[in-house]
Amino acid sequence: MKMYICLCNRISDKTIKTLVRDNRITSISGLKKCVSIGSHCGKCLPQATELIKTEQIKLAAVTEIETVQ
Protein backbone atom coordinates (compact mmCIF):
# COMPACT_ATOMS: atom_id res chain seq x y z
CA MET A 1 0.00 0.00 0.00
CA LYS A 2 1.32 3.41 -0.96
CA MET A 3 1.34 6.08 1.74
CA TYR A 4 1.85 9.74 0.96
CA ILE A 5 4.57 11.33 3.07
CA CYS A 6 4.37 14.77 1.43
CA LEU A 7 0.75 15.56 0.75
CA CYS A 8 1.49 18.97 -0.78
CA ASN A 9 3.65 17.46 -3.53
CA ARG A 10 2.13 13.95 -3.61
CA ILE A 11 5.39 12.18 -2.74
CA SER A 12 4.88 8.65 -1.45
CA ASP A 13 6.92 6.47 0.87
CA LYS A 14 7.61 4.17 -2.09
CA THR A 15 9.09 7.06 -4.07
CA ILE A 16 11.34 8.05 -1.18
CA LYS A 17 12.50 4.47 -0.58
CA THR A 18 13.30 4.02 -4.27
CA LEU A 19 15.23 7.29 -4.42
CA VAL A 20 17.20 6.40 -1.29
CA ARG A 21 18.15 2.99 -2.69
CA ASP A 22 18.88 4.06 -6.26
CA ASN A 23 20.67 7.33 -5.48
CA ARG A 24 22.22 6.44 -2.10
CA ILE A 25 20.47 9.42 -0.50
CA THR A 26 21.39 9.93 3.15
CA SER A 27 19.71 13.23 4.02
CA ILE A 28 16.75 15.50 3.36
CA SER A 29 18.99 17.82 1.35
CA GLY A 30 19.89 14.91 -0.91
CA LEU A 31 16.23 14.01 -1.28
CA LYS A 32 15.36 17.62 -2.13
CA LYS A 33 17.75 17.42 -5.08
CA CYS A 34 15.50 14.72 -6.56
CA VAL A 35 11.99 15.81 -5.54
CA SER A 36 10.38 18.95 -4.15
CA ILE A 37 9.68 17.47 -0.72
CA GLY A 38 9.01 19.97 2.06
CA SER A 39 8.77 22.92 -0.31
CA HIS A 40 5.35 24.03 0.94
CA CYS A 41 4.35 23.43 4.56
CA GLY A 42 7.27 21.23 5.66
CA LYS A 43 5.18 18.94 7.88
CA CYS A 44 6.52 15.93 5.98
CA LEU A 45 10.19 16.50 6.76
CA PRO A 46 10.37 14.64 10.11
CA GLN A 47 8.63 11.58 8.67
CA ALA A 48 10.74 11.70 5.50
CA THR A 49 13.91 11.91 7.64
CA GLU A 50 12.88 8.80 9.58
CA LEU A 51 12.09 6.99 6.35
CA ILE A 52 15.56 7.81 4.98
CA LYS A 53 17.19 6.51 8.18
CA THR A 54 15.13 3.31 8.12
CA GLU A 55 15.94 2.65 4.49
CA GLN A 56 19.65 3.28 5.12
CA ILE A 57 19.60 0.68 7.91
CA LYS A 58 17.97 -1.83 5.55
CA LEU A 59 20.57 -1.11 2.87
CA ALA A 60 23.40 -1.59 5.36
CA ALA A 61 21.94 -4.94 6.45
CA VAL A 62 21.62 -6.17 2.86
CA THR A 63 25.17 -5.04 2.08
CA GLU A 64 26.46 -6.87 5.16
CA ILE A 65 24.65 -10.08 4.18
CA GLU A 66 26.01 -9.88 0.64
CA THR A 67 29.53 -9.35 1.99
CA VAL A 68 29.29 -12.43 4.23
CA GLN A 69 28.08 -14.63 1.37
PDB file of N, CA and C in Angstrom:
ATOM      1  N   MET A   1       0.842  -1.177   0.000  1.00  0.00           N
ATOM      2  CA  MET A   1       0.000   0.000   0.000  1.00  0.00           C
ATOM      3  C   MET A   1       0.888   1.241   0.000  1.00  0.00           C
ATOM      4  N   LYS A   2       0.570   2.165  -0.865  1.00  0.00           N
ATOM      5  CA  LYS A   2       1.318   3.406  -0.965  1.00  0.00           C
ATOM      6  C   LYS A   2       0.793   4.394   0.065  1.00  0.00           C
ATOM      7  N   MET A   3       1.715   5.077   0.755  1.00  0.00           N
ATOM      8  CA  MET A   3       1.336   6.079   1.742  1.00  0.00           C
ATOM      9  C   MET A   3       2.030   7.381   1.358  1.00  0.00           C
ATOM     10  N   TYR A   4       1.259   8.451   1.300  1.00  0.00           N
ATOM     11  CA  TYR A   4       1.852   9.738   0.964  1.00  0.00           C
ATOM     12  C   TYR A   4       2.532  10.335   2.178  1.00  0.00           C
ATOM     13  N   ILE A   5       3.788  10.682   2.019  1.00  0.00           N
ATOM     14  CA  ILE A   5       4.568  11.333   3.071  1.00  0.00           C
ATOM     15  C   ILE A   5       4.412  12.839   2.935  1.00  0.00           C
ATOM     16  N   CYS A   6       4.542  13.342   1.719  1.00  0.00           N
ATOM     17  CA  CYS A   6       4.371  14.774   1.434  1.00  0.00           C
ATOM     18  C   CYS A   6       3.067  14.939   0.664  1.00  0.00           C
ATOM     19  N   LEU A   7       2.058  15.387   1.382  1.00  0.00           N
ATOM     20  CA  LEU A   7       0.750  15.559   0.748  1.00  0.00           C
ATOM     21  C   LEU A   7       0.745  16.718  -0.245  1.00  0.00           C
ATOM     22  N   CYS A   8       1.464  17.787   0.086  1.00  0.00           N
ATOM     23  CA  CYS A   8       1.486  18.972  -0.781  1.00  0.00           C
ATOM     24  C   CYS A   8       2.002  18.653  -2.180  1.00  0.00           C
ATOM     25  N   ASN A   9       3.014  17.781  -2.249  1.00  0.00           N
ATOM     26  CA  ASN A   9       3.646  17.458  -3.532  1.00  0.00           C
ATOM     27  C   ASN A   9       3.391  16.031  -3.991  1.00  0.00           C
ATOM     28  N   ARG A  10       2.523  15.321  -3.266  1.00  0.00           N
ATOM     29  CA  ARG A  10       2.133  13.947  -3.609  1.00  0.00           C
ATOM     30  C   ARG A  10       3.351  13.022  -3.765  1.00  0.00           C
ATOM     31  N   ILE A  11       4.202  13.029  -2.740  1.00  0.00           N
ATOM     32  CA  ILE A  11       5.386  12.175  -2.739  1.00  0.00           C
ATOM     33  C   ILE A  11       5.140  11.041  -1.757  1.00  0.00           C
ATOM     34  N   SER A  12       5.215   9.814  -2.262  1.00  0.00           N
ATOM     35  CA  SER A  12       4.884   8.650  -1.453  1.00  0.00           C
ATOM     36  C   SER A  12       6.112   8.058  -0.762  1.00  0.00           C
ATOM     37  N   ASP A  13       5.842   7.187   0.184  1.00  0.00           N
ATOM     38  CA  ASP A  13       6.919   6.467   0.865  1.00  0.00           C
ATOM     39  C   ASP A  13       7.680   5.601  -0.133  1.00  0.00           C
ATOM     40  N   LYS A  14       6.971   5.019  -1.077  1.00  0.00           N
ATOM     41  CA  LYS A  14       7.607   4.174  -2.086  1.00  0.00           C
ATOM     42  C   LYS A  14       8.592   4.987  -2.929  1.00  0.00           C
ATOM     43  N   THR A  15       8.212   6.190  -3.295  1.00  0.00           N
ATOM     44  CA  THR A  15       9.087   7.062  -4.074  1.00  0.00           C
ATOM     45  C   THR A  15      10.347   7.381  -3.285  1.00  0.00           C
ATOM     46  N   ILE A  16      10.188   7.709  -2.013  1.00  0.00           N
ATOM     47  CA  ILE A  16      11.341   8.050  -1.176  1.00  0.00           C
ATOM     48  C   ILE A  16      12.259   6.842  -1.021  1.00  0.00           C
ATOM     49  N   LYS A  17      11.685   5.676  -0.746  1.00  0.00           N
ATOM     50  CA  LYS A  17      12.498   4.467  -0.585  1.00  0.00           C
ATOM     51  C   LYS A  17      13.285   4.160  -1.858  1.00  0.00           C
ATOM     52  N   THR A  18      12.635   4.279  -2.990  1.00  0.00           N
ATOM     53  CA  THR A  18      13.301   4.015  -4.268  1.00  0.00           C
ATOM     54  C   THR A  18      14.433   5.003  -4.502  1.00  0.00           C
ATOM     55  N   LEU A  19      14.186   6.274  -4.230  1.00  0.00           N
ATOM     56  CA  LEU A  19      15.227   7.288  -4.415  1.00  0.00           C
ATOM     57  C   LEU A  19      16.408   7.048  -3.486  1.00  0.00           C
ATOM     58  N   VAL A  20      16.128   6.676  -2.245  1.00  0.00           N
ATOM     59  CA  VAL A  20      17.202   6.398  -1.289  1.00  0.00           C
ATOM     60  C   VAL A  20      18.052   5.237  -1.778  1.00  0.00           C
ATOM     61  N   ARG A  21      17.414   4.172  -2.206  1.00  0.00           N
ATOM     62  CA  ARG A  21      18.154   2.989  -2.687  1.00  0.00           C
ATOM     63  C   ARG A  21      18.936   3.287  -3.967  1.00  0.00           C
ATOM     64  N   ASP A  22      18.271   3.873  -4.943  1.00  0.00           N
ATOM     65  CA  ASP A  22      18.881   4.058  -6.260  1.00  0.00           C
ATOM     66  C   ASP A  22      19.935   5.161  -6.298  1.00  0.00           C
ATOM     67  N   ASN A  23      19.776   6.162  -5.447  1.00  0.00           N
ATOM     68  CA  ASN A  23      20.673   7.325  -5.480  1.00  0.00           C
ATOM     69  C   ASN A  23      21.540   7.451  -4.235  1.00  0.00           C
ATOM     70  N   ARG A  24      21.435   6.442  -3.342  1.00  0.00           N
ATOM     71  CA  ARG A  24      22.224   6.443  -2.099  1.00  0.00           C
ATOM     72  C   ARG A  24      22.037   7.750  -1.315  1.00  0.00           C
ATOM     73  N   ILE A  25      20.801   8.195  -1.227  1.00  0.00           N
ATOM     74  CA  ILE A  25      20.471   9.419  -0.497  1.00  0.00           C
ATOM     75  C   ILE A  25      20.571   9.158   0.994  1.00  0.00           C
ATOM     76  N   THR A  26      21.197  10.088   1.706  1.00  0.00           N
ATOM     77  CA  THR A  26      21.391   9.934   3.146  1.00  0.00           C
ATOM     78  C   THR A  26      20.809  11.083   3.962  1.00  0.00           C
ATOM     79  N   SER A  27      20.214  12.066   3.293  1.00  0.00           N
ATOM     80  CA  SER A  27      19.705  13.229   4.018  1.00  0.00           C
ATOM     81  C   SER A  27      18.537  13.869   3.266  1.00  0.00           C
ATOM     82  N   ILE A  28      17.851  14.743   3.977  1.00  0.00           N
ATOM     83  CA  ILE A  28      16.753  15.497   3.355  1.00  0.00           C
ATOM     84  C   ILE A  28      17.288  16.370   2.224  1.00  0.00           C
ATOM     85  N   SER A  29      18.441  16.973   2.415  1.00  0.00           N
ATOM     86  CA  SER A  29      18.989  17.823   1.348  1.00  0.00           C
ATOM     87  C   SER A  29      19.243  17.008   0.077  1.00  0.00           C
ATOM     88  N   GLY A  30      19.705  15.781   0.245  1.00  0.00           N
ATOM     89  CA  GLY A  30      19.887  14.910  -0.913  1.00  0.00           C
ATOM     90  C   GLY A  30      18.572  14.564  -1.573  1.00  0.00           C
ATOM     91  N   LEU A  31      17.552  14.332  -0.753  1.00  0.00           N
ATOM     92  CA  LEU A  31      16.225  14.014  -1.281  1.00  0.00           C
ATOM     93  C   LEU A  31      15.638  15.211  -2.025  1.00  0.00           C
ATOM     94  N   LYS A  32      15.873  16.399  -1.496  1.00  0.00           N
ATOM     95  CA  LYS A  32      15.359  17.621  -2.130  1.00  0.00           C
ATOM     96  C   LYS A  32      15.972  17.865  -3.502  1.00  0.00           C
ATOM     97  N   LYS A  33      17.137  17.288  -3.758  1.00  0.00           N
ATOM     98  CA  LYS A  33      17.754  17.423  -5.080  1.00  0.00           C
ATOM     99  C   LYS A  33      17.002  16.602  -6.129  1.00  0.00           C
ATOM    100  N   CYS A  34      16.236  15.608  -5.655  1.00  0.00           N
ATOM    101  CA  CYS A  34      15.501  14.723  -6.564  1.00  0.00           C
ATOM    102  C   CYS A  34      14.021  15.078  -6.676  1.00  0.00           C
ATOM    103  N   VAL A  35      13.421  15.478  -5.572  1.00  0.00           N
ATOM    104  CA  VAL A  35      11.994  15.812  -5.542  1.00  0.00           C
ATOM    105  C   VAL A  35      11.787  17.065  -4.702  1.00  0.00           C
ATOM    106  N   SER A  36      10.649  17.691  -4.862  1.00  0.00           N
ATOM    107  CA  SER A  36      10.379  18.948  -4.150  1.00  0.00           C
ATOM    108  C   SER A  36       9.708  18.708  -2.798  1.00  0.00           C
ATOM    109  N   ILE A  37      10.247  17.790  -2.020  1.00  0.00           N
ATOM    110  CA  ILE A  37       9.675  17.474  -0.718  1.00  0.00           C
ATOM    111  C   ILE A  37       9.912  18.638   0.255  1.00  0.00           C
ATOM    112  N   GLY A  38       8.891  18.938   1.039  1.00  0.00           N
ATOM    113  CA  GLY A  38       9.006  19.974   2.055  1.00  0.00           C
ATOM    114  C   GLY A  38       9.031  21.396   1.530  1.00  0.00           C
ATOM    115  N   SER A  39       8.685  21.584   0.283  1.00  0.00           N
ATOM    116  CA  SER A  39       8.774  22.919  -0.307  1.00  0.00           C
ATOM    117  C   SER A  39       7.573  23.811  -0.001  1.00  0.00           C
ATOM    118  N   HIS A  40       6.530  23.222   0.590  1.00  0.00           N
ATOM    119  CA  HIS A  40       5.350  24.027   0.937  1.00  0.00           C
ATOM    120  C   HIS A  40       5.253  24.172   2.447  1.00  0.00           C
ATOM    121  N   CYS A  41       4.585  23.264   3.114  1.00  0.00           N
ATOM    122  CA  CYS A  41       4.346  23.428   4.556  1.00  0.00           C
ATOM    123  C   CYS A  41       5.456  22.835   5.416  1.00  0.00           C
ATOM    124  N   GLY A  42       6.163  21.825   4.924  1.00  0.00           N
ATOM    125  CA  GLY A  42       7.271  21.229   5.658  1.00  0.00           C
ATOM    126  C   GLY A  42       6.893  20.204   6.709  1.00  0.00           C
ATOM    127  N   LYS A  43       5.610  19.916   6.873  1.00  0.00           N
ATOM    128  CA  LYS A  43       5.183  18.945   7.884  1.00  0.00           C
ATOM    129  C   LYS A  43       5.695  17.534   7.603  1.00  0.00           C
ATOM    130  N   CYS A  44       6.068  17.261   6.379  1.00  0.00           N
ATOM    131  CA  CYS A  44       6.523  15.934   5.981  1.00  0.00           C
ATOM    132  C   CYS A  44       7.982  15.654   6.329  1.00  0.00           C
ATOM    133  N   LEU A  45       8.741  16.673   6.610  1.00  0.00           N
ATOM    134  CA  LEU A  45      10.188  16.502   6.764  1.00  0.00           C
ATOM    135  C   LEU A  45      10.599  15.555   7.893  1.00  0.00           C
ATOM    136  N   PRO A  46       9.979  15.616   9.077  1.00  0.00           N
ATOM    137  CA  PRO A  46      10.371  14.643  10.108  1.00  0.00           C
ATOM    138  C   PRO A  46      10.105  13.197   9.697  1.00  0.00           C
ATOM    139  N   GLN A  47       8.962  12.944   9.090  1.00  0.00           N
ATOM    140  CA  GLN A  47       8.630  11.584   8.665  1.00  0.00           C
ATOM    141  C   GLN A  47       9.542  11.138   7.520  1.00  0.00           C
ATOM    142  N   ALA A  48       9.846  12.031   6.610  1.00  0.00           N
ATOM    143  CA  ALA A  48      10.745  11.703   5.503  1.00  0.00           C
ATOM    144  C   ALA A  48      12.151  11.403   6.029  1.00  0.00           C
ATOM    145  N   THR A  49      12.599  12.146   7.027  1.00  0.00           N
ATOM    146  CA  THR A  49      13.908  11.911   7.639  1.00  0.00           C
ATOM    147  C   THR A  49      13.970  10.522   8.256  1.00  0.00           C
ATOM    148  N   GLU A  50      12.930  10.129   8.975  1.00  0.00           N
ATOM    149  CA  GLU A  50      12.880   8.802   9.579  1.00  0.00           C
ATOM    150  C   GLU A  50      12.868   7.711   8.514  1.00  0.00           C
ATOM    151  N   LEU A  51      12.156   7.961   7.436  1.00  0.00           N
ATOM    152  CA  LEU A  51      12.091   6.989   6.349  1.00  0.00           C
ATOM    153  C   LEU A  51      13.471   6.805   5.698  1.00  0.00           C
ATOM    154  N   ILE A  52      14.203   7.889   5.525  1.00  0.00           N
ATOM    155  CA  ILE A  52      15.559   7.809   4.977  1.00  0.00           C
ATOM    156  C   ILE A  52      16.440   6.981   5.903  1.00  0.00           C
ATOM    157  N   LYS A  53      16.377   7.250   7.207  1.00  0.00           N
ATOM    158  CA  LYS A  53      17.189   6.506   8.179  1.00  0.00           C
ATOM    159  C   LYS A  53      16.849   5.020   8.153  1.00  0.00           C
ATOM    160  N   THR A  54      15.568   4.706   8.141  1.00  0.00           N
ATOM    161  CA  THR A  54      15.126   3.311   8.122  1.00  0.00           C
ATOM    162  C   THR A  54      15.614   2.605   6.869  1.00  0.00           C
ATOM    163  N   GLU A  55      15.508   3.261   5.750  1.00  0.00           N
ATOM    164  CA  GLU A  55      15.939   2.646   4.486  1.00  0.00           C
ATOM    165  C   GLU A  55      17.452   2.477   4.458  1.00  0.00           C
ATOM    166  N   GLN A  56      18.193   3.402   5.046  1.00  0.00           N
ATOM    167  CA  GLN A  56      19.646   3.284   5.124  1.00  0.00           C
ATOM    168  C   GLN A  56      20.052   2.074   5.974  1.00  0.00           C
ATOM    169  N   ILE A  57      19.326   1.840   7.061  1.00  0.00           N
ATOM    170  CA  ILE A  57      19.596   0.682   7.911  1.00  0.00           C
ATOM    171  C   ILE A  57      19.355  -0.603   7.124  1.00  0.00           C
ATOM    172  N   LYS A  58      18.265  -0.655   6.367  1.00  0.00           N
ATOM    173  CA  LYS A  58      17.970  -1.830   5.546  1.00  0.00           C
ATOM    174  C   LYS A  58      19.061  -2.061   4.506  1.00  0.00           C
ATOM    175  N   LEU A  59      19.508  -0.990   3.875  1.00  0.00           N
ATOM    176  CA  LEU A  59      20.568  -1.111   2.868  1.00  0.00           C
ATOM    177  C   LEU A  59      21.864  -1.629   3.483  1.00  0.00           C
ATOM    178  N   ALA A  60      22.179  -1.151   4.667  1.00  0.00           N
ATOM    179  CA  ALA A  60      23.398  -1.593   5.355  1.00  0.00           C
ATOM    180  C   ALA A  60      23.306  -3.078   5.685  1.00  0.00           C
ATOM    181  N   ALA A  61      22.134  -3.527   6.115  1.00  0.00           N
ATOM    182  CA  ALA A  61      21.942  -4.939   6.455  1.00  0.00           C
ATOM    183  C   ALA A  61      22.093  -5.819   5.216  1.00  0.00           C
ATOM    184  N   VAL A  62      21.521  -5.395   4.103  1.00  0.00           N
ATOM    185  CA  VAL A  62      21.623  -6.165   2.859  1.00  0.00           C
ATOM    186  C   VAL A  62      23.072  -6.211   2.396  1.00  0.00           C
ATOM    187  N   THR A  63      23.763  -5.098   2.482  1.00  0.00           N
ATOM    188  CA  THR A  63      25.168  -5.044   2.082  1.00  0.00           C
ATOM    189  C   THR A  63      26.007  -5.974   2.950  1.00  0.00           C
ATOM    190  N   GLU A  64      25.717  -5.998   4.248  1.00  0.00           N
ATOM    191  CA  GLU A  64      26.456  -6.873   5.164  1.00  0.00           C
ATOM    192  C   GLU A  64      26.212  -8.337   4.834  1.00  0.00           C
ATOM    193  N   ILE A  65      24.978  -8.689   4.538  1.00  0.00           N
ATOM    194  CA  ILE A  65      24.646 -10.078   4.184  1.00  0.00           C
ATOM    195  C   ILE A  65      25.356 -10.462   2.893  1.00  0.00           C
ATOM    196  N   GLU A  66      25.351  -9.585   1.914  1.00  0.00           N
ATOM    197  CA  GLU A  66      26.006  -9.878   0.641  1.00  0.00           C
ATOM    198  C   GLU A  66      27.503 -10.041   0.823  1.00  0.00           C
ATOM    199  N   THR A  67      28.093  -9.270   1.728  1.00  0.00           N
ATOM    200  CA  THR A  67      29.528  -9.354   1.989  1.00  0.00           C
ATOM    201  C   THR A  67      29.893 -10.688   2.631  1.00  0.00           C
ATOM    202  N   VAL A  68      29.048 -11.164   3.532  1.00  0.00           N
ATOM    203  CA  VAL A  68      29.293 -12.432   4.227  1.00  0.00           C
ATOM    204  C   VAL A  68      29.193 -13.598   3.244  1.00  0.00           C
ATOM    205  N   GLN A  69      28.284 -13.527   2.318  1.00  0.00           N
ATOM    206  CA  GLN A  69      28.084 -14.630   1.373  1.00  0.00           C
ATOM    207  C   GLN A  69      29.173 -14.567   0.373  1.00  0.00           C
TER     208      GLN A  69
END
